[in-house]
Amino acid sequence: MDPEAHESVGRLFTEFDRTETPHLMGTRRRELFHYRGLYFHLQDFDGDGGGDAIQEARTRPEFVQISADLKPFIGAYDPDTWRSPRDAMATRFYHWSAG
């Protein structure tokens, strides 16, 4: 991510999160982080179907638009293997919560 772009990216997601798409995807929470040129996007979903929800939503006009709007600020981590958002999803290998 362009190190100076965090405010622009935050505004884009503020607008996106006002649409119905996050609700249709089952998004419960979104957090964006940046660290030394890297961009981290943490998104919690209802149930365990987050990856599937993103795949289903990626053809919605709002999703297509935010993807296009983000391109000047955020590049694929590995452009040679990038085909869809699923190619940039991390795999959780540990989770703990109190209670």
PDB file of N, CA and C in Angstrom:
ATOM      1  N   MET A   1       0.843  -1.173   0.000  1.00  0.00           N
ATOM      2  CA  MET A   1       0.000   0.000   0.000  1.00  0.00           C
ATOM      3  C   MET A   1       0.887   1.235   0.000  1.00  0.00           C
ATOM      4  N   ASP A   2       0.487   2.216  -0.771  1.00  0.00           N
ATOM      5  CA  ASP A   2       1.156   3.506  -0.736  1.00  0.00           C
ATOM      6  C   ASP A   2       1.100   4.011   0.710  1.00  0.00           C
ATOM      7  N   PRO A   3       2.246   4.268   1.339  1.00  0.00           N
ATOM      8  CA  PRO A   3       2.263   4.654   2.751  1.00  0.00           C
ATOM      9  C   PRO A   3       1.435   5.903   3.080  1.00  0.00           C
ATOM     10  N   GLU A   4       1.223   6.756   2.117  1.00  0.00           N
ATOM     11  CA  GLU A   4       0.456   7.981   2.369  1.00  0.00           C
ATOM     12  C   GLU A   4      -1.036   7.818   2.086  1.00  0.00           C
ATOM     13  N   ALA A   5      -1.471   6.620   1.717  1.00  0.00           N
ATOM     14  CA  ALA A   5      -2.835   6.418   1.233  1.00  0.00           C
ATOM     15  C   ALA A   5      -3.837   5.990   2.299  1.00  0.00           C
ATOM     16  N   HIS A   6      -3.410   5.821   3.533  1.00  0.00           N
ATOM     17  CA  HIS A   6      -4.333   5.243   4.518  1.00  0.00           C
ATOM     18  C   HIS A   6      -5.602   6.077   4.712  1.00  0.00           C
ATOM     19  N   GLU A   7      -5.522   7.387   4.637  1.00  0.00           N
ATOM     20  CA  GLU A   7      -6.734   8.197   4.795  1.00  0.00           C
ATOM     21  C   GLU A   7      -7.674   8.013   3.605  1.00  0.00           C
ATOM     22  N   SER A   8      -7.126   7.972   2.397  1.00  0.00           N
ATOM     23  CA  SER A   8      -7.948   7.756   1.199  1.00  0.00           C
ATOM     24  C   SER A   8      -8.603   6.384   1.223  1.00  0.00           C
ATOM     25  N   VAL A   9      -7.843   5.378   1.585  1.00  0.00           N
ATOM     26  CA  VAL A   9      -8.381   4.019   1.654  1.00  0.00           C
ATOM     27  C   VAL A   9      -9.471   3.941   2.733  1.00  0.00           C
ATOM     28  N   GLY A  10      -9.247   4.574   3.858  1.00  0.00           N
ATOM     29  CA  GLY A  10     -10.257   4.607   4.914  1.00  0.00           C
ATOM     30  C   GLY A  10     -11.552   5.259   4.450  1.00  0.00           C
ATOM     31  N   ARG A  11     -11.435   6.347   3.690  1.00  0.00           N
ATOM     32  CA  ARG A  11     -12.637   7.016   3.153  1.00  0.00           C
ATOM     33  C   ARG A  11     -13.385   6.105   2.179  1.00  0.00           C
ATOM     34  N   LEU A  12     -12.655   5.403   1.329  1.00  0.00           N
ATOM     35  CA  LEU A  12     -13.303   4.487   0.388  1.00  0.00           C
ATOM     36  C   LEU A  12     -14.091   3.409   1.120  1.00  0.00           C
ATOM     37  N   PHE A  13     -13.511   2.857   2.181  1.00  0.00           N
ATOM     38  CA  PHE A  13     -14.232   1.830   2.934  1.00  0.00           C
ATOM     39  C   PHE A  13     -15.375   2.417   3.756  1.00  0.00           C
ATOM     40  N   THR A  14     -15.246   3.661   4.207  1.00  0.00           N
ATOM     41  CA  THR A  14     -16.363   4.305   4.892  1.00  0.00           C
ATOM     42  C   THR A  14     -17.567   4.372   3.961  1.00  0.00           C
ATOM     43  N   GLU A  15     -17.339   4.774   2.729  1.00  0.00           N
ATOM     44  CA  GLU A  15     -18.430   4.841   1.745  1.00  0.00           C
ATOM     45  C   GLU A  15     -18.962   3.445   1.422  1.00  0.00           C
ATOM     46  N   PHE A  16     -18.073   2.484   1.205  1.00  0.00           N
ATOM     47  CA  PHE A  16     -18.486   1.113   0.885  1.00  0.00           C
ATOM     48  C   PHE A  16     -19.316   0.506   2.008  1.00  0.00           C
ATOM     49  N   ASP A  17     -18.908   0.729   3.249  1.00  0.00           N
ATOM     50  CA  ASP A  17     -19.597   0.127   4.387  1.00  0.00           C
ATOM     51  C   ASP A  17     -20.970   0.753   4.650  1.00  0.00           C
ATOM     52  N   ARG A  18     -21.270   1.843   3.973  1.00  0.00           N
ATOM     53  CA  ARG A  18     -22.611   2.441   4.051  1.00  0.00           C
ATOM     54  C   ARG A  18     -23.582   1.790   3.063  1.00  0.00           C
ATOM     55  N   THR A  19     -23.064   0.937   2.166  1.00  0.00           N
ATOM     56  CA  THR A  19     -23.918   0.259   1.193  1.00  0.00           C
ATOM     57  C   THR A  19     -24.457  -1.034   1.826  1.00  0.00           C
ATOM     58  N   GLU A  20     -25.317  -1.712   1.107  1.00  0.00           N
ATOM     59  CA  GLU A  20     -25.883  -2.964   1.608  1.00  0.00           C
ATOM     60  C   GLU A  20     -24.934  -4.151   1.458  1.00  0.00           C
ATOM     61  N   THR A  21     -23.890  -4.029   0.642  1.00  0.00           N
ATOM     62  CA  THR A  21     -23.024  -5.169   0.345  1.00  0.00           C
ATOM     63  C   THR A  21     -22.387  -5.774   1.596  1.00  0.00           C
ATOM     64  N   PRO A  22     -21.794  -5.002   2.517  1.00  0.00           N
ATOM     65  CA  PRO A  22     -21.218  -5.644   3.707  1.00  0.00           C
ATOM     66  C   PRO A  22     -22.261  -6.440   4.505  1.00  0.00           C
ATOM     67  N   HIS A  23     -23.470  -5.930   4.570  1.00  0.00           N
ATOM     68  CA  HIS A  23     -24.524  -6.622   5.313  1.00  0.00           C
ATOM     69  C   HIS A  23     -24.926  -7.919   4.602  1.00  0.00           C
ATOM     70  N   LEU A  24     -25.006  -7.868   3.272  1.00  0.00           N
ATOM     71  CA  LEU A  24     -25.335  -9.064   2.499  1.00  0.00           C
ATOM     72  C   LEU A  24     -24.240 -10.121   2.620  1.00  0.00           C
ATOM     73  N   MET A  25     -22.993  -9.674   2.789  1.00  0.00           N
ATOM     74  CA  MET A  25     -21.869 -10.589   2.938  1.00  0.00           C
ATOM     75  C   MET A  25     -21.794 -11.167   4.352  1.00  0.00           C
ATOM     76  N   GLY A  26     -22.522 -10.577   5.295  1.00  0.00           N
ATOM     77  CA  GLY A  26     -22.437 -11.015   6.676  1.00  0.00           C
ATOM     78  C   GLY A  26     -21.266 -10.412   7.425  1.00  0.00           C
ATOM     79  N   THR A  27     -20.754  -9.281   6.929  1.00  0.00           N
ATOM     80  CA  THR A  27     -19.634  -8.620   7.596  1.00  0.00           C
ATOM     81  C   THR A  27     -20.089  -8.067   8.936  1.00  0.00           C
ATOM     82  N   ARG A  28     -19.387  -8.432   9.980  1.00  0.00           N
ATOM     83  CA  ARG A  28     -19.696  -7.937  11.322  1.00  0.00           C
ATOM     84  C   ARG A  28     -18.748  -6.827  11.747  1.00  0.00           C
ATOM     85  N   ARG A  29     -17.500  -6.890  11.236  1.00  0.00           N
ATOM     86  CA  ARG A  29     -16.500  -5.899  11.633  1.00  0.00           C
ATOM     87  C   ARG A  29     -15.424  -5.869  10.567  1.00  0.00           C
ATOM     88  N   ARG A  30     -14.900  -4.673  10.327  1.00  0.00           N
ATOM     89  CA  ARG A  30     -13.782  -4.494   9.402  1.00  0.00           C
ATOM     90  C   ARG A  30     -12.744  -3.624  10.103  1.00  0.00           C
ATOM     91  N   GLU A  31     -11.489  -4.033  10.022  1.00  0.00           N
ATOM     92  CA  GLU A  31     -10.385  -3.237  10.535  1.00  0.00           C
ATOM     93  C   GLU A  31      -9.295  -3.213   9.478  1.00  0.00           C
ATOM     94  N   LEU A  32      -8.717  -2.046   9.254  1.00  0.00           N
ATOM     95  CA  LEU A  32      -7.641  -1.871   8.278  1.00  0.00           C
ATOM     96  C   LEU A  32      -6.390  -1.416   9.017  1.00  0.00           C
ATOM     97  N   PHE A  33      -5.269  -1.998   8.647  1.00  0.00           N
ATOM     98  CA  PHE A  33      -3.997  -1.665   9.266  1.00  0.00           C
ATOM     99  C   PHE A  33      -2.958  -1.427   8.172  1.00  0.00           C
ATOM    100  N   HIS A  34      -1.966  -0.607   8.476  1.00  0.00           N
ATOM    101  CA  HIS A  34      -0.828  -0.485   7.567  1.00  0.00           C
ATOM    102  C   HIS A  34       0.452  -0.548   8.391  1.00  0.00           C
ATOM    103  N   TYR A  35       1.455  -1.144   7.787  1.00  0.00           N
ATOM    104  CA  TYR A  35       2.745  -1.291   8.444  1.00  0.00           C
ATOM    105  C   TYR A  35       3.824  -1.394   7.377  1.00  0.00           C
ATOM    106  N   ARG A  36       4.696  -0.403   7.309  1.00  0.00           N
ATOM    107  CA  ARG A  36       5.839  -0.399   6.396  1.00  0.00           C
ATOM    108  C   ARG A  36       5.470  -0.787   4.961  1.00  0.00           C
ATOM    109  N   GLY A  37       4.435  -0.145   4.463  1.00  0.00           N
ATOM    110  CA  GLY A  37       4.047  -0.377   3.082  1.00  0.00           C
ATOM    111  C   GLY A  37       3.138  -1.578   2.868  1.00  0.00           C
ATOM    112  N   LEU A  38       2.849  -2.314   3.928  1.00  0.00           N
ATOM    113  CA  LEU A  38       1.927  -3.441   3.822  1.00  0.00           C
ATOM    114  C   LEU A  38       0.553  -3.020   4.316  1.00  0.00           C
ATOM    115  N   TYR A  39      -0.456  -3.631   3.750  1.00  0.00           N
ATOM    116  CA  TYR A  39      -1.853  -3.341   4.056  1.00  0.00           C
ATOM    117  C   TYR A  39      -2.491  -4.611   4.602  1.00  0.00           C
ATOM    118  N   PHE A  40      -3.131  -4.497   5.753  1.00  0.00           N
ATOM    119  CA  PHE A  40      -3.813  -5.632   6.377  1.00  0.00           C
ATOM    120  C   PHE A  40      -5.281  -5.298   6.533  1.00  0.00           C
ATOM    121  N   HIS A  41      -6.118  -6.222   6.122  1.00  0.00           N
ATOM    122  CA  HIS A  41      -7.563  -6.025   6.126  1.00  0.00           C
ATOM    123  C   HIS A  41      -8.162  -7.181   6.924  1.00  0.00           C
ATOM    124  N   LEU A  42      -8.617  -6.882   8.132  1.00  0.00           N
ATOM    125  CA  LEU A  42      -9.240  -7.878   8.996  1.00  0.00           C
ATOM    126  C   LEU A  42     -10.745  -7.703   8.910  1.00  0.00           C
ATOM    127  N   GLN A  43     -11.422  -8.768   8.574  1.00  0.00           N
ATOM    128  CA  GLN A  43     -12.862  -8.701   8.400  1.00  0.00           C
ATOM    129  C   GLN A  43     -13.478  -9.898   9.113  1.00  0.00           C
ATOM    130  N   ASP A  44     -14.420  -9.642  10.003  1.00  0.00           N
ATOM    131  CA  ASP A  44     -15.145 -10.705  10.698  1.00  0.00           C
ATOM    132  C   ASP A  44     -16.509 -10.874  10.049  1.00  0.00           C
ATOM    133  N   PHE A  45     -16.939 -12.123   9.929  1.00  0.00           N
ATOM    134  CA  PHE A  45     -18.202 -12.450   9.279  1.00  0.00           C
ATOM    135  C   PHE A  45     -19.095 -13.249  10.211  1.00  0.00           C
ATOM    136  N   ASP A  46     -20.388 -13.218   9.926  1.00  0.00           N
ATOM    137  CA  ASP A  46     -21.312 -14.131  10.575  1.00  0.00           C
ATOM    138  C   ASP A  46     -20.913 -15.541  10.153  1.00  0.00           C
ATOM    139  N   GLY A  47     -20.813 -16.457  11.074  1.00  0.00           N
ATOM    140  CA  GLY A  47     -20.473 -17.835  10.729  1.00  0.00           C
ATOM    141  C   GLY A  47     -19.051 -17.968  10.242  1.00  0.00           C
ATOM    142  N   ASP A  48     -18.788 -19.034   9.499  1.00  0.00           N
ATOM    143  CA  ASP A  48     -17.439 -19.339   9.027  1.00  0.00           C
ATOM    144  C   ASP A  48     -17.264 -19.117   7.531  1.00  0.00           C
ATOM    145  N   GLY A  49     -18.212 -18.484   6.868  1.00  0.00           N
ATOM    146  CA  GLY A  49     -18.183 -18.406   5.413  1.00  0.00           C
ATOM    147  C   GLY A  49     -17.621 -17.141   4.828  1.00  0.00           C
ATOM    148  N   GLY A  50     -16.664 -16.494   5.462  1.00  0.00           N
ATOM    149  CA  GLY A  50     -16.130 -15.236   4.970  1.00  0.00           C
ATOM    150  C   GLY A  50     -15.577 -15.291   3.558  1.00  0.00           C
ATOM    151  N   GLY A  51     -14.744 -16.277   3.283  1.00  0.00           N
ATOM    152  CA  GLY A  51     -14.166 -16.399   1.946  1.00  0.00           C
ATOM    153  C   GLY A  51     -15.222 -16.619   0.883  1.00  0.00           C
ATOM    154  N   ASP A  52     -16.201 -17.445   1.201  1.00  0.00           N
ATOM    155  CA  ASP A  52     -17.293 -17.693   0.257  1.00  0.00           C
ATOM    156  C   ASP A  52     -18.121 -16.432   0.048  1.00  0.00           C
ATOM    157  N   ALA A  53     -18.346 -15.668   1.125  1.00  0.00           N
ATOM    158  CA  ALA A  53     -19.130 -14.435   1.022  1.00  0.00           C
ATOM    159  C   ALA A  53     -18.447 -13.422   0.114  1.00  0.00           C
ATOM    160  N   ILE A  54     -17.140 -13.321   0.210  1.00  0.00           N
ATOM    161  CA  ILE A  54     -16.393 -12.398  -0.647  1.00  0.00           C
ATOM    162  C   ILE A  54     -16.477 -12.851  -2.092  1.00  0.00           C
ATOM    163  N   GLN A  55     -16.319 -14.143  -2.323  1.00  0.00           N
ATOM    164  CA  GLN A  55     -16.405 -14.665  -3.693  1.00  0.00           C
ATOM    165  C   GLN A  55     -17.773 -14.373  -4.305  1.00  0.00           C
ATOM    166  N   GLU A  56     -18.826 -14.531  -3.529  1.00  0.00           N
ATOM    167  CA  GLU A  56     -20.178 -14.283  -4.034  1.00  0.00           C
ATOM    168  C   GLU A  56     -20.420 -12.797  -4.286  1.00  0.00           C
ATOM    169  N   ALA A  57     -19.835 -11.941  -3.463  1.00  0.00           N
ATOM    170  CA  ALA A  57     -20.081 -10.494  -3.562  1.00  0.00           C
ATOM    171  C   ALA A  57     -19.226  -9.811  -4.617  1.00  0.00           C
ATOM    172  N   ARG A  58     -18.197 -10.436  -5.098  1.00  0.00           N
ATOM    173  CA  ARG A  58     -17.231  -9.744  -5.955  1.00  0.00           C
ATOM    174  C   ARG A  58     -17.786  -9.289  -7.294  1.00  0.00           C
ATOM    175  N   THR A  59     -18.975  -9.726  -7.675  1.00  0.00           N
ATOM    176  CA  THR A  59     -19.581  -9.247  -8.919  1.00  0.00           C
ATOM    177  C   THR A  59     -20.598  -8.137  -8.672  1.00  0.00           C
ATOM    178  N   ARG A  60     -20.872  -7.834  -7.414  1.00  0.00           N
ATOM    179  CA  ARG A  60     -21.813  -6.744  -7.097  1.00  0.00           C
ATOM    180  C   ARG A  60     -21.187  -5.406  -7.512  1.00  0.00           C
ATOM    181  N   PRO A  61     -21.991  -4.479  -8.007  1.00  0.00           N
ATOM    182  CA  PRO A  61     -21.442  -3.192  -8.480  1.00  0.00           C
ATOM    183  C   PRO A  61     -20.612  -2.454  -7.427  1.00  0.00           C
ATOM    184  N   GLU A  62     -21.037  -2.481  -6.165  1.00  0.00           N
ATOM    185  CA  GLU A  62     -20.291  -1.775  -5.118  1.00  0.00           C
ATOM    186  C   GLU A  62     -18.920  -2.415  -4.907  1.00  0.00           C
ATOM    187  N   PHE A  63     -18.856  -3.719  -4.988  1.00  0.00           N
ATOM    188  CA  PHE A  63     -17.590  -4.432  -4.798  1.00  0.00           C
ATOM    189  C   PHE A  63     -16.656  -4.158  -5.972  1.00  0.00           C
ATOM    190  N   VAL A  64     -17.194  -4.214  -7.166  1.00  0.00           N
ATOM    191  CA  VAL A  64     -16.403  -3.919  -8.363  1.00  0.00           C
ATOM    192  C   VAL A  64     -15.856  -2.496  -8.288  1.00  0.00           C
ATOM    193  N   GLN A  65     -16.694  -1.555  -7.835  1.00  0.00           N
ATOM    194  CA  GLN A  65     -16.289  -0.149  -7.758  1.00  0.00           C
ATOM    195  C   GLN A  65     -15.183   0.067  -6.733  1.00  0.00           C
ATOM    196  N   ILE A  66     -15.349  -0.485  -5.533  1.00  0.00           N
ATOM    197  CA  ILE A  66     -14.299  -0.253  -4.524  1.00  0.00           C
ATOM    198  C   ILE A  66     -13.001  -0.931  -4.951  1.00  0.00           C
ATOM    199  N   SER A  67     -13.082  -2.073  -5.609  1.00  0.00           N
ATOM    200  CA  SER A  67     -11.868  -2.727  -6.100  1.00  0.00           C
ATOM    201  C   SER A  67     -11.137  -1.829  -7.090  1.00  0.00           C
ATOM    202  N   ALA A  68     -11.883  -1.195  -7.979  1.00  0.00           N
ATOM    203  CA  ALA A  68     -11.276  -0.275  -8.950  1.00  0.00           C
ATOM    204  C   ALA A  68     -10.727   0.968  -8.253  1.00  0.00           C
ATOM    205  N   ASP A  69     -11.465   1.492  -7.287  1.00  0.00           N
ATOM    206  CA  ASP A  69     -11.034   2.703  -6.574  1.00  0.00           C
ATOM    207  C   ASP A  69      -9.782   2.479  -5.735  1.00  0.00           C
ATOM    208  N   LEU A  70      -9.568   1.258  -5.273  1.00  0.00           N
ATOM    209  CA  LEU A  70      -8.408   0.949  -4.439  1.00  0.00           C
ATOM    210  C   LEU A  70      -7.128   0.737  -5.242  1.00  0.00           C
ATOM    211  N   LYS A  71      -7.248   0.437  -6.525  1.00  0.00           N
ATOM    212  CA  LYS A  71      -6.066   0.099  -7.338  1.00  0.00           C
ATOM    213  C   LYS A  71      -4.954   1.148  -7.312  1.00  0.00           C
ATOM    214  N   PRO A  72      -5.248   2.458  -7.305  1.00  0.00           N
ATOM    215  CA  PRO A  72      -4.145   3.427  -7.252  1.00  0.00           C
ATOM    216  C   PRO A  72      -3.366   3.401  -5.935  1.00  0.00           C
ATOM    217  N   PHE A  73      -3.978   2.826  -4.885  1.00  0.00           N
ATOM    218  CA  PHE A  73      -3.382   2.869  -3.554  1.00  0.00           C
ATOM    219  C   PHE A  73      -2.811   1.534  -3.091  1.00  0.00           C
ATOM    220  N   ILE A  74      -3.403   0.429  -3.565  1.00  0.00           N
ATOM    221  CA  ILE A  74      -3.048  -0.894  -3.056  1.00  0.00           C
ATOM    222  C   ILE A  74      -2.768  -1.830  -4.227  1.00  0.00           C
ATOM    223  N   GLY A  75      -1.598  -2.444  -4.212  1.00  0.00           N
ATOM    224  CA  GLY A  75      -1.244  -3.402  -5.256  1.00  0.00           C
ATOM    225  C   GLY A  75      -1.294  -4.819  -4.726  1.00  0.00           C
ATOM    226  N   ALA A  76      -1.405  -5.771  -5.623  1.00  0.00           N
ATOM    227  CA  ALA A  76      -1.393  -7.187  -5.233  1.00  0.00           C
ATOM    228  C   ALA A  76      -0.049  -7.529  -4.613  1.00  0.00           C
ATOM    229  N   TYR A  77      -0.058  -8.318  -3.575  1.00  0.00           N
ATOM    230  CA  TYR A  77       1.189  -8.730  -2.932  1.00  0.00           C
ATOM    231  C   TYR A  77       2.047  -9.525  -3.899  1.00  0.00           C
ATOM    232  N   ASP A  78       1.422 -10.403  -4.650  1.00  0.00           N
ATOM    233  CA  ASP A  78       2.133 -11.200  -5.651  1.00  0.00           C
ATOM    234  C   ASP A  78       1.352 -11.111  -6.967  1.00  0.00           C
ATOM    235  N   PRO A  79       1.636 -10.098  -7.779  1.00  0.00           N
ATOM    236  CA  PRO A  79       0.870  -9.887  -9.014  1.00  0.00           C
ATOM    237  C   PRO A  79       0.886 -11.077  -9.966  1.00  0.00           C
ATOM    238  N   ASP A  80       1.910 -11.912  -9.901  1.00  0.00           N
ATOM    239  CA  ASP A  80       1.993 -13.059 -10.804  1.00  0.00           C
ATOM    240  C   ASP A  80       0.953 -14.139 -10.492  1.00  0.00           C
ATOM    241  N   THR A  81       0.487 -14.188  -9.244  1.00  0.00           N
ATOM    242  CA  THR A  81      -0.477 -15.225  -8.872  1.00  0.00           C
ATOM    243  C   THR A  81      -1.860 -14.676  -8.561  1.00  0.00           C
ATOM    244  N   TRP A  82      -2.035 -13.366  -8.593  1.00  0.00           N
ATOM    245  CA  TRP A  82      -3.317 -12.752  -8.240  1.00  0.00           C
ATOM    246  C   TRP A  82      -4.384 -13.044  -9.292  1.00  0.00           C
ATOM    247  N   ARG A  83      -5.485 -13.645  -8.851  1.00  0.00           N
ATOM    248  CA  ARG A  83      -6.633 -13.890  -9.714  1.00  0.00           C
ATOM    249  C   ARG A  83      -7.916 -13.336  -9.098  1.00  0.00           C
ATOM    250  N   SER A  84      -8.013 -13.367  -7.772  1.00  0.00           N
ATOM    251  CA  SER A  84      -9.215 -12.895  -7.090  1.00  0.00           C
ATOM    252  C   SER A  84      -8.860 -12.565  -5.644  1.00  0.00           C
ATOM    253  N   PRO A  85      -9.777 -11.948  -4.881  1.00  0.00           N
ATOM    254  CA  PRO A  85      -9.484 -11.641  -3.474  1.00  0.00           C
ATOM    255  C   PRO A  85      -9.073 -12.874  -2.662  1.00  0.00           C
ATOM    256  N   ARG A  86      -9.550 -14.029  -3.043  1.00  0.00           N
ATOM    257  CA  ARG A  86      -9.200 -15.256  -2.315  1.00  0.00           C
ATOM    258  C   ARG A  86      -7.683 -15.491  -2.316  1.00  0.00           C
ATOM    259  N   ASP A  87      -7.002 -14.996  -3.348  1.00  0.00           N
ATOM    260  CA  ASP A  87      -5.556 -15.191  -3.452  1.00  0.00           C
ATOM    261  C   ASP A  87      -4.767 -14.350  -2.452  1.00  0.00           C
ATOM    262  N   ALA A  88      -5.419 -13.450  -1.770  1.00  0.00           N
ATOM    263  CA  ALA A  88      -4.738 -12.604  -0.788  1.00  0.00           C
ATOM    264  C   ALA A  88      -5.229 -12.863   0.629  1.00  0.00           C
ATOM    265  N   MET A  89      -5.996 -13.924   0.832  1.00  0.00           N
ATOM    266  CA  MET A  89      -6.538 -14.204   2.157  1.00  0.00           C
ATOM    267  C   MET A  89      -5.552 -15.015   2.983  1.00  0.00           C
ATOM    268  N   ALA A  90      -5.331 -14.522   4.180  1.00  0.00           N
ATOM    269  CA  ALA A  90      -4.467 -15.246   5.112  1.00  0.00           C
ATOM    270  C   ALA A  90      -5.231 -16.427   5.702  1.00  0.00           C
ATOM    271  N   THR A  91      -4.492 -17.400   6.185  1.00  0.00           N
ATOM    272  CA  THR A  91      -5.077 -18.551   6.858  1.00  0.00           C
ATOM    273  C   THR A  91      -4.799 -18.425   8.345  1.00  0.00           C
ATOM    274  N   ARG A  92      -5.866 -18.387   9.132  1.00  0.00           N
ATOM    275  CA  ARG A  92      -5.671 -18.294  10.577  1.00  0.00           C
ATOM    276  C   ARG A  92      -5.111 -19.616  11.078  1.00  0.00           C
ATOM    277  N   PHE A  93      -4.050 -19.538  11.878  1.00  0.00           N
ATOM    278  CA  PHE A  93      -3.461 -20.748  12.403  1.00  0.00           C
ATOM    279  C   PHE A  93      -3.537 -20.811  13.916  1.00  0.00           C
ATOM    280  N   TYR A  94      -4.076 -19.753  14.562  1.00  0.00           N
ATOM    281  CA  TYR A  94      -4.252 -19.774  16.008  1.00  0.00           C
ATOM    282  C   TYR A  94      -5.319 -18.769  16.387  1.00  0.00           C
ATOM    283  N   HIS A  95      -6.141 -19.137  17.332  1.00  0.00           N
ATOM    284  CA  HIS A  95      -7.166 -18.220  17.849  1.00  0.00           C
ATOM    285  C   HIS A  95      -7.376 -18.526  19.324  1.00  0.00           C
ATOM    286  N   TRP A  96      -7.527 -17.486  20.113  1.00  0.00           N
ATOM    287  CA  TRP A  96      -7.842 -17.637  21.520  1.00  0.00           C
ATOM    288  C   TRP A  96      -8.792 -16.530  21.895  1.00  0.00           C
ATOM    289  N   SER A  97      -9.742 -16.825  22.754  1.00  0.00           N
ATOM    290  CA  SER A  97     -10.597 -15.780  23.315  1.00  0.00           C
ATOM    291  C   SER A  97     -10.946 -16.148  24.747  1.00  0.00           C
ATOM    292  N   ALA A  98     -11.089 -15.129  25.550  1.00  0.00           N
ATOM    293  CA  ALA A  98     -11.441 -15.342  26.957  1.00  0.00           C
ATOM    294  C   ALA A  98     -12.905 -15.752  27.055  1.00  0.00           C
ATOM    295  N   GLY A  99     -13.194 -16.635  27.977  1.00  0.00           N
ATOM    296  CA  GLY A  99     -14.579 -16.992  28.239  1.00  0.00           C
ATOM    297  C   GLY A  99     -15.020 -18.093  27.412  1.00  0.00           C
TER     298      GLY A  99
END
